């Protein structure tokens, strides 16, 4: 344990600096070894960096994604949210990610009845067509921006298809998602907050109209299924349906884009591993999960402290906010024996996992290095270090994966598969 006077900044934790974002893993390693619990006064988080601790805290009922089910802002020592933020927070708290039992349990059960593995599997052909179209556009294009050309448009199109958003309206989704997510920036400005509130109002109004239409005239899509689902006389409220749709877009899209970009950048930096995937497609499913562990798309997840507790000799008070560093936990080589999922991780089991795409889905090399084309990136994202096994692509993982990109495999595998 390091001295009380040492700060997160002194250890190099600086999530607003490009150099840290490029390669935070040496700092994480030092934190795990010297300061597994560290208060950061710049972000007002207690940072937790070891896998065993992160994994345990995700499932501990003394901590919550929200605290409003147990206490007021004042009781938690937190300022009340400005009134004009209300449309944003109402939307976000209507989604399952920001609920606690019993609401979380009830909504999760209802969504699971509508959002089934069969529904996802039925999208395979449509995803194939979308992927083919994106690949065809970059063939022979010369220089290709993989993010703008493939990684960003694909998940939005897939999620829109899943929800049943008409093609004429799909151009609205990405801007709404990006604007809403501005509120999650560190210390967002009033301008960012205003934009997030405005997008929340517009997106909510759109989904409200769509859900009412599908309740009256259902189709074969998720909005219709959630509008119609009934379990022991219980059904989703309109706000819960809207919150679930927004969560699917924001969490599914942002994490998938980040995971796809990080994953391909890793493969380009380790061409020998890319060649192994070219030669043996049976490695793809494991490779996709390992890429998510190796450079996790969601680096930190937050929990509120609902009662005083102690961890590694540090007293953490009620009302504090934990920063559970997934990026660090996923690089922790200490042995573990428990599963990774807490009830609020964005990969919670209510979201059906997409089955691995088979080899017929498309030639991955047309995106990795299309004939007459080359991929580019916007900069050098720093050096990489292998996990302790030295064989991060094909071996069993220690620790188990903590992530927030559960629907990513089908998309990255589409790019890799031949």
Protein backbone atom coordinates (compact mmCIF):
# COMPACT_ATOMS: atom_id res chain seq x y z
CA UNK A 1 0.00 0.00 0.00
CA UNK A 2 1.35 3.45 -0.88
CA UNK A 3 1.17 6.44 1.37
CA UNK A 4 -1.98 8.48 1.78
CA UNK A 5 -0.26 11.49 0.18
CA UNK A 6 0.27 9.80 -3.18
CA UNK A 7 -2.40 10.78 -5.67
CA UNK A 8 -3.84 9.09 -8.73
CA UNK A 9 -2.38 11.87 -10.84
CA UNK A 10 1.08 11.28 -9.40
CA UNK A 11 0.76 7.63 -10.39
CA UNK A 12 -0.07 8.71 -13.94
CA UNK A 13 -3.85 8.23 -13.94
CA UNK A 14 -4.97 10.98 -16.36
CA UNK A 15 -7.98 9.82 -18.42
CA UNK A 16 -8.27 13.18 -20.23
CA UNK A 17 -4.72 12.99 -21.66
CA UNK A 18 -4.15 11.43 -25.07
CA UNK A 19 -0.94 9.70 -23.98
CA UNK A 20 -2.75 7.93 -21.14
CA UNK A 21 -5.73 6.97 -23.32
CA UNK A 22 -3.30 5.58 -25.90
CA UNK A 23 -1.76 3.15 -23.43
CA UNK A 24 -3.04 3.18 -19.84
CA UNK A 25 -1.88 -0.35 -19.05
CA UNK A 26 1.53 0.39 -17.46
CA UNK A 27 -0.23 2.80 -15.06
CA UNK A 28 -2.87 0.18 -14.32
CA UNK A 29 -0.18 -2.40 -13.56
CA UNK A 30 1.45 -0.04 -11.06
CA UNK A 31 -1.91 0.70 -9.46
CA UNK A 32 -2.67 -3.02 -9.05
CA UNK A 33 0.69 -3.60 -7.45
CA UNK A 34 1.03 -0.51 -5.25
CA UNK A 35 -2.42 1.01 -4.78
CA UNK A 36 -5.33 -1.35 -5.52
CA UNK A 37 -7.68 1.25 -3.99
CA UNK A 38 -6.83 4.85 -4.76
CA UNK A 39 -8.82 8.07 -4.38
CA UNK A 40 -8.69 10.41 -7.36
CA UNK A 41 -9.62 13.94 -6.34
CA UNK A 42 -9.72 15.07 -9.97
CA UNK A 43 -12.66 12.84 -10.84
CA UNK A 44 -13.95 12.23 -7.29
CA UNK A 45 -13.73 8.46 -7.72
CA UNK A 46 -12.27 5.71 -5.58
CA UNK A 47 -10.40 3.72 -8.21
CA UNK A 48 -10.39 -0.09 -7.90
CA UNK A 49 -7.97 -1.86 -10.22
CA UNK A 50 -7.62 -5.56 -9.26
CA UNK A 51 -9.78 -8.18 -10.92
CA UNK A 52 -10.87 -9.97 -7.75
CA UNK A 53 -12.04 -6.69 -6.20
CA UNK A 54 -13.82 -5.42 -9.32
CA UNK A 55 -15.53 -8.75 -9.82
CA UNK A 56 -16.71 -8.91 -6.20
CA UNK A 57 -17.92 -5.32 -6.04
CA UNK A 58 -20.02 -5.71 -9.21
CA UNK A 59 -22.27 -8.20 -7.41
CA UNK A 60 -22.23 -6.75 -3.89
CA UNK A 61 -25.59 -5.25 -2.87
CA UNK A 62 -23.85 -2.60 -0.75
CA UNK A 63 -23.09 -0.82 -4.03
CA UNK A 64 -25.46 0.34 -6.73
CA UNK A 65 -25.58 1.71 -10.23
CA UNK A 66 -27.92 4.28 -8.71
CA UNK A 67 -28.68 5.23 -5.12
CA UNK A 68 -32.09 6.84 -5.46
CA UNK A 69 -33.86 3.60 -4.54
CA UNK A 70 -32.20 3.79 -1.11
CA UNK A 71 -31.50 7.45 -0.34
CA UNK A 72 -32.00 11.03 -1.48
CA UNK A 73 -29.26 13.18 -2.98
CA UNK A 74 -28.99 15.02 0.30
CA UNK A 75 -28.68 11.82 2.35
CA UNK A 76 -25.84 10.70 0.08
CA UNK A 77 -24.11 14.05 0.41
CA UNK A 78 -24.61 14.78 -3.27
CA UNK A 79 -26.05 17.91 -4.90
CA UNK A 80 -29.46 17.61 -6.53
CA UNK A 81 -29.44 17.50 -10.31
CA UNK A 82 -30.49 20.73 -12.06
CA UNK A 83 -34.17 20.68 -12.96
CA UNK A 84 -33.45 21.22 -16.62
CA UNK A 85 -31.50 17.91 -16.68
CA UNK A 86 -34.73 16.01 -15.90
CA UNK A 87 -35.51 14.75 -19.45
CA UNK A 88 -32.06 13.16 -19.69
CA UNK A 89 -32.17 11.45 -16.30
CA UNK A 90 -35.76 10.28 -16.73
CA UNK A 91 -34.78 8.58 -19.98
CA UNK A 92 -31.62 7.00 -18.60
CA UNK A 93 -33.27 5.79 -15.39
CA UNK A 94 -36.04 4.16 -17.39
CA UNK A 95 -33.44 1.75 -18.80
CA UNK A 96 -32.47 -1.45 -17.04
CA UNK A 97 -28.83 -0.45 -16.59
CA UNK A 98 -29.76 2.25 -14.07
CA UNK A 99 -32.36 0.28 -12.14
CA UNK A 100 -32.09 -1.68 -8.93
CA UNK A 101 -34.30 -4.56 -7.73
CA UNK A 102 -37.21 -5.04 -7.72
CA UNK A 103 -37.62 -2.81 -10.81
CA UNK A 104 -34.47 -4.22 -12.41
CA UNK A 105 -35.66 -7.81 -11.89
CA UNK A 106 -39.11 -7.10 -13.30
CA UNK A 107 -37.97 -5.20 -16.40
CA UNK A 108 -35.19 -7.68 -17.11
CA UNK A 109 -37.71 -10.53 -17.05
CA UNK A 110 -40.06 -8.78 -19.44
CA UNK A 111 -37.33 -7.72 -21.87
CA UNK A 112 -35.90 -11.24 -21.90
CA UNK A 113 -39.27 -12.60 -23.04
CA UNK A 114 -39.19 -10.27 -26.05
CA UNK A 115 -35.47 -10.10 -26.83
CA UNK A 116 -34.69 -13.75 -27.53
CA UNK A 117 -31.68 -15.53 -29.08
CA UNK A 118 -33.97 -16.59 -31.90
CA UNK A 119 -34.73 -12.96 -32.72
CA UNK A 120 -31.01 -12.18 -32.93
CA UNK A 121 -30.28 -15.30 -34.99
CA UNK A 122 -33.01 -14.35 -37.44
CA UNK A 123 -31.06 -11.19 -38.21
CA UNK A 124 -28.04 -13.13 -39.49
CA UNK A 125 -29.01 -12.90 -43.14
CA UNK A 126 -29.72 -9.20 -42.92
CA UNK A 127 -26.44 -8.56 -41.10
CA UNK A 128 -24.69 -10.49 -43.84
CA UNK A 129 -26.26 -8.25 -46.46
CA UNK A 130 -25.32 -5.08 -44.58
CA UNK A 131 -21.75 -6.27 -44.14
CA UNK A 132 -21.46 -7.23 -47.80
CA UNK A 133 -22.60 -3.78 -48.83
CA UNK A 134 -20.09 -2.03 -46.58
CA UNK A 135 -17.24 -4.22 -47.80
CA UNK A 136 -18.17 -3.75 -51.45
CA UNK A 137 -17.98 0.02 -51.02
CA UNK A 138 -14.36 -0.05 -49.82
CA UNK A 139 -13.01 -2.59 -52.31
CA UNK A 140 -10.47 -0.86 -54.49
CA UNK A 141 -11.04 2.44 -52.75
CA UNK A 142 -7.35 3.12 -52.17
CA UNK A 143 -7.13 4.45 -48.62
CA UNK A 144 -9.87 3.28 -46.27
CA UNK A 145 -11.01 4.64 -42.91
CA UNK A 146 -12.13 1.45 -41.20
CA UNK A 147 -14.03 3.29 -38.44
CA UNK A 148 -16.04 5.60 -40.68
CA UNK A 149 -16.55 3.05 -43.45
CA UNK A 150 -17.40 -0.08 -41.45
CA UNK A 151 -17.22 0.12 -37.65
CA UNK A 152 -19.63 3.04 -37.19
CA UNK A 153 -22.34 2.38 -39.78
CA UNK A 154 -22.70 -1.36 -39.19
CA UNK A 155 -23.88 -1.45 -35.53
CA UNK A 156 -26.30 1.44 -36.06
CA UNK A 157 -27.80 -0.35 -39.04
CA UNK A 158 -28.04 -3.65 -37.15
CA UNK A 159 -29.62 -2.10 -34.06
CA UNK A 160 -32.05 -0.11 -36.22
CA UNK A 161 -32.98 -3.33 -38.01
CA UNK A 162 -33.45 -5.09 -34.69
CA UNK A 163 -35.68 -2.34 -33.30
CA UNK A 164 -37.61 -1.92 -36.53
CA UNK A 165 -36.71 1.72 -37.17
CA UNK A 166 -37.71 2.60 -40.76
CA UNK A 167 -34.77 3.12 -43.12
CA UNK A 168 -35.87 6.69 -43.80
CA UNK A 169 -35.34 7.54 -40.10
CA UNK A 170 -32.11 5.68 -39.39
CA UNK A 171 -29.88 8.67 -40.07
CA UNK A 172 -31.27 10.22 -36.87
CA UNK A 173 -30.00 7.49 -34.53
CA UNK A 174 -26.25 8.03 -34.50
CA UNK A 175 -26.47 11.81 -33.84
CA UNK A 176 -28.98 11.26 -31.03
CA UNK A 177 -26.76 8.60 -29.45
CA UNK A 178 -23.65 10.77 -29.69
CA UNK A 179 -25.40 13.79 -28.19
CA UNK A 180 -26.89 11.81 -25.28
CA UNK A 181 -23.49 10.33 -24.47
CA UNK A 182 -22.01 13.81 -24.04
CA UNK A 183 -23.45 13.76 -20.51
CA UNK A 184 -21.05 10.91 -19.68
CA UNK A 185 -17.96 12.99 -20.32
CA UNK A 186 -15.86 13.83 -17.28
CA UNK A 187 -17.41 16.98 -15.80
CA UNK A 188 -19.59 17.81 -18.83
CA UNK A 189 -20.08 21.48 -19.61
CA UNK A 190 -23.49 23.14 -19.61
CA UNK A 191 -23.36 23.12 -23.39
CA UNK A 192 -22.81 19.35 -23.47
CA UNK A 193 -25.56 18.84 -20.90
CA UNK A 194 -28.00 20.99 -22.89
CA UNK A 195 -27.27 19.01 -26.06
CA UNK A 196 -27.75 15.72 -24.19
CA UNK A 197 -31.08 16.90 -22.78
CA UNK A 198 -32.30 18.07 -26.18
CA UNK A 199 -31.36 14.75 -27.82
CA UNK A 200 -33.04 12.85 -24.96
CA UNK A 201 -36.29 14.72 -25.56
CA UNK A 202 -36.20 14.23 -29.32
CA UNK A 203 -35.27 10.55 -29.17
CA UNK A 204 -37.88 9.84 -26.49
CA UNK A 205 -40.61 11.55 -28.52
CA UNK A 206 -39.64 9.58 -31.61
CA UNK A 207 -39.63 6.22 -29.81
CA UNK A 208 -42.89 7.01 -28.04
CA UNK A 209 -44.62 7.53 -31.38
CA UNK A 210 -42.99 4.41 -32.85
CA UNK A 211 -43.96 2.21 -29.88
CA UNK A 212 -47.58 3.38 -30.04
CA UNK A 213 -47.72 2.61 -33.73
CA UNK A 214 -46.26 -0.88 -33.20
CA UNK A 215 -48.56 -1.58 -30.30
CA UNK A 216 -51.49 -0.92 -32.64
CA UNK A 217 -49.92 -2.53 -35.73
CA UNK A 218 -47.16 -4.93 -34.66
CA UNK A 219 -44.39 -6.10 -36.98
CA UNK A 220 -41.56 -8.59 -36.66
CA UNK A 221 -39.20 -6.37 -34.66
CA UNK A 222 -38.10 -5.77 -31.08
CA UNK A 223 -40.18 -2.63 -30.49
CA UNK A 224 -43.31 -4.56 -31.47
CA UNK A 225 -42.30 -7.53 -29.31
CA UNK A 226 -41.64 -5.37 -26.25
CA UNK A 227 -44.87 -3.44 -26.80
CA UNK A 228 -46.82 -6.71 -26.88
CA UNK A 229 -45.00 -8.73 -24.20
CA UNK A 230 -47.13 -9.78 -21.24
CA UNK A 231 -46.09 -11.85 -18.23
CA UNK A 232 -48.58 -12.71 -15.49
CA UNK A 233 -50.57 -9.62 -16.37
CA UNK A 234 -47.47 -7.38 -16.24
CA UNK A 235 -46.07 -5.43 -19.16
CA UNK A 236 -43.40 -2.81 -19.82
CA UNK A 237 -44.47 0.76 -19.36
CA UNK A 238 -43.99 3.07 -22.31
CA UNK A 239 -41.07 4.79 -20.57
CA UNK A 240 -39.40 1.44 -19.79
CA UNK A 241 -39.70 0.39 -23.43
CA UNK A 242 -38.19 3.69 -24.57
CA UNK A 243 -35.37 3.47 -22.01
CA UNK A 244 -34.54 -0.07 -23.14
CA UNK A 245 -34.35 0.98 -26.80
CA UNK A 246 -32.05 3.90 -26.00
CA UNK A 247 -29.83 1.66 -23.88
CA UNK A 248 -29.52 -0.84 -26.73
CA UNK A 249 -28.44 1.88 -29.14
CA UNK A 250 -26.08 3.75 -26.83
CA UNK A 251 -24.42 0.77 -25.15
CA UNK A 252 -24.49 -1.54 -28.16
CA UNK A 253 -23.29 1.01 -30.66
CA UNK A 254 -20.61 2.85 -28.71
CA UNK A 255 -19.01 -0.27 -27.26
CA UNK A 256 -19.11 -2.12 -30.58
CA UNK A 257 -17.46 0.70 -32.52
CA UNK A 258 -14.74 1.00 -29.88
CA UNK A 259 -14.22 -2.74 -29.70
CA UNK A 260 -14.01 -3.10 -33.49
CA UNK A 261 -11.49 -0.29 -33.80
CA UNK A 262 -9.39 -1.48 -30.87
CA UNK A 263 -9.54 -5.06 -32.07
CA UNK A 264 -8.38 -4.31 -35.60
CA UNK A 265 -5.67 -1.95 -34.36
CA UNK A 266 -4.38 -4.77 -32.17
CA UNK A 267 -4.41 -7.21 -35.07
CA UNK A 268 -2.57 -4.75 -37.32
CA UNK A 269 0.05 -4.29 -34.61
CA UNK A 270 0.42 -8.07 -34.27
CA UNK A 271 0.34 -9.34 -37.87
CA UNK A 272 1.51 -12.81 -36.84
CA UNK A 273 -1.74 -13.25 -34.89
CA UNK A 274 -3.75 -11.98 -37.84
CA UNK A 275 -2.07 -14.59 -40.02
CA UNK A 276 -3.07 -17.29 -37.54
CA UNK A 277 -6.70 -16.22 -37.91
CA UNK A 278 -6.41 -16.25 -41.68
CA UNK A 279 -5.04 -19.77 -41.54
CA UNK A 280 -7.42 -21.19 -38.92
CA UNK A 281 -10.92 -19.77 -38.65
CA UNK A 282 -11.68 -21.97 -35.64
CA UNK A 283 -9.69 -19.45 -33.59
CA UNK A 284 -12.03 -16.57 -34.44
CA UNK A 285 -14.56 -16.96 -31.62
CA UNK A 286 -11.86 -17.09 -28.94
CA UNK A 287 -9.93 -14.28 -30.64
CA UNK A 288 -12.93 -11.95 -30.55
CA UNK A 289 -13.38 -12.37 -26.82
CA UNK A 290 -9.64 -12.09 -26.21
CA UNK A 291 -9.51 -8.84 -28.18
CA UNK A 292 -12.25 -7.48 -25.93
CA UNK A 293 -10.24 -8.44 -22.85
CA UNK A 294 -6.93 -7.21 -24.21
CA UNK A 295 -8.16 -3.68 -24.93
CA UNK A 296 -11.54 -3.37 -23.21
CA UNK A 297 -13.97 -0.98 -24.94
CA UNK A 298 -15.41 0.23 -21.62
CA UNK A 299 -12.42 1.01 -19.44
CA UNK A 300 -14.27 2.03 -16.26
CA UNK A 301 -17.68 1.32 -14.75
CA UNK A 302 -19.12 3.17 -11.77
CA UNK A 303 -20.84 2.12 -8.56
CA UNK A 304 -22.28 4.20 -5.72
CA UNK A 305 -21.37 3.27 -2.15
CA UNK A 306 -24.62 2.74 -0.21
CA UNK A 307 -22.98 2.15 3.17
CA UNK A 308 -19.54 2.69 4.70
CA UNK A 309 -17.05 -0.10 3.98
CA UNK A 310 -13.36 -0.85 3.98
CA UNK A 311 -11.20 -2.27 1.18
CA UNK A 312 -7.46 -2.95 1.45
CA UNK A 313 -7.29 -0.83 4.56
CA UNK A 314 -8.97 2.18 3.00
CA UNK A 315 -12.18 3.45 4.59
CA UNK A 316 -14.67 4.42 1.88
CA UNK A 317 -17.73 6.37 3.05
CA UNK A 318 -21.37 6.13 2.07
CA UNK A 319 -22.06 8.47 -0.82
CA UNK A 320 -18.69 7.92 -2.48
CA UNK A 321 -18.43 6.79 -6.09
CA UNK A 322 -16.29 3.83 -7.12
CA UNK A 323 -14.46 3.69 -10.43
CA UNK A 324 -14.15 -0.02 -11.27
CA UNK A 325 -11.39 -0.14 -13.84
CA UNK A 326 -12.33 -2.95 -16.24
CA UNK A 327 -9.29 -2.20 -18.40
CA UNK A 328 -7.01 -2.93 -15.46
CA UNK A 329 -9.00 -5.91 -14.14
CA UNK A 330 -8.86 -7.59 -17.53
CA UNK A 331 -5.04 -7.41 -17.48
CA UNK A 332 -4.71 -8.75 -13.92
CA UNK A 333 -2.82 -12.05 -14.05
CA UNK A 334 -3.85 -13.13 -10.55
CA UNK A 335 -5.80 -16.44 -10.65
CA UNK A 336 -9.58 -16.21 -10.31
CA UNK A 337 -12.35 -18.75 -9.92
CA UNK A 338 -15.59 -16.77 -10.13
CA UNK A 339 -17.64 -15.53 -13.05
CA UNK A 340 -17.40 -11.93 -14.19
CA UNK A 341 -20.93 -10.76 -14.54
CA UNK A 342 -22.76 -8.52 -12.09
CA UNK A 343 -26.39 -7.69 -12.61
CA UNK A 344 -25.63 -4.29 -14.14
CA UNK A 345 -22.71 -5.01 -16.46
CA UNK A 346 -23.76 -3.99 -19.95
CA UNK A 347 -23.25 -7.58 -21.04
CA UNK A 348 -25.83 -8.89 -18.60
CA UNK A 349 -27.47 -12.12 -19.64
CA UNK A 350 -30.79 -10.50 -20.57
CA UNK A 351 -29.12 -9.53 -23.82
CA UNK A 352 -28.95 -12.66 -26.01
CA UNK A 353 -25.48 -13.40 -27.25
CA UNK A 354 -25.04 -13.41 -31.00
CA UNK A 355 -23.91 -16.77 -32.31
CA UNK A 356 -20.49 -16.84 -34.02
CA UNK A 357 -20.63 -16.00 -37.70
CA UNK A 358 -19.51 -18.88 -39.90
CA UNK A 359 -16.94 -18.68 -42.67
CA UNK A 360 -19.45 -17.89 -45.39
CA UNK A 361 -20.21 -14.44 -43.98
CA UNK A 362 -17.66 -12.52 -46.04
CA UNK A 363 -13.96 -12.30 -46.82
CA UNK A 364 -12.48 -10.46 -43.88
CA UNK A 365 -9.40 -9.54 -45.90
CA UNK A 366 -11.43 -7.24 -48.11
CA UNK A 367 -11.66 -4.96 -45.06
CA UNK A 368 -8.29 -5.76 -43.52
CA UNK A 369 -6.40 -5.19 -46.76
CA UNK A 370 -8.73 -4.91 -49.77
CA UNK A 371 -7.22 -5.16 -53.19
CA UNK A 372 -5.75 -1.78 -54.03
CA UNK A 373 -6.70 -0.40 -50.61
CA UNK A 374 -4.98 0.21 -47.33
CA UNK A 375 -6.40 0.99 -43.92
CA UNK A 376 -5.39 4.05 -41.96
CA UNK A 377 -5.70 5.25 -38.41
CA UNK A 378 -5.77 8.74 -36.98
CA UNK A 379 -2.60 8.28 -34.95
CA UNK A 380 -0.22 6.02 -33.08
CA UNK A 381 -2.11 4.56 -30.14
CA UNK A 382 0.94 3.53 -28.19
CA UNK A 383 2.74 0.28 -27.54
CA UNK A 384 1.15 -3.02 -26.57
CA UNK A 385 2.17 -5.52 -23.94
CA UNK A 386 1.11 -9.15 -24.00
CA UNK A 387 -0.66 -10.82 -21.12
CA UNK A 388 1.46 -12.99 -18.88
CA UNK A 389 0.76 -16.09 -20.93
CA UNK A 390 2.39 -14.51 -23.98
CA UNK A 391 -0.28 -16.17 -26.17
CA UNK A 392 -3.18 -13.80 -25.76
CA UNK A 393 -4.94 -14.79 -28.94
CA UNK A 394 -5.58 -18.49 -28.50
CA UNK A 395 -5.20 -19.56 -24.89
CA UNK A 396 -7.74 -19.69 -22.08
CA UNK A 397 -8.06 -16.33 -20.39
CA UNK A 398 -7.04 -15.49 -16.85
CA UNK A 399 -8.90 -13.58 -15.63
CA UNK A 400 -12.36 -14.05 -17.08
CA UNK A 401 -13.57 -11.22 -19.23
CA UNK A 402 -15.15 -8.07 -17.84
CA UNK A 403 -16.55 -6.02 -20.68
CA UNK A 404 -19.50 -4.11 -22.07
CA UNK A 405 -19.68 -5.24 -25.68
CA UNK A 406 -21.71 -8.41 -25.60
CA UNK A 407 -23.03 -8.06 -29.15
CA UNK A 408 -19.67 -7.25 -30.67
CA UNK A 409 -18.55 -10.79 -31.70
CA UNK A 410 -20.93 -11.13 -34.63
CA UNK A 411 -19.65 -7.87 -36.09
CA UNK A 412 -15.93 -8.39 -35.67
CA UNK A 413 -16.21 -11.97 -36.83
CA UNK A 414 -17.96 -10.78 -39.96
CA UNK A 415 -14.88 -8.72 -40.72
CA UNK A 416 -12.45 -11.54 -39.92
CA UNK A 417 -14.28 -14.50 -41.48
CA UNK A 418 -13.65 -15.84 -44.93
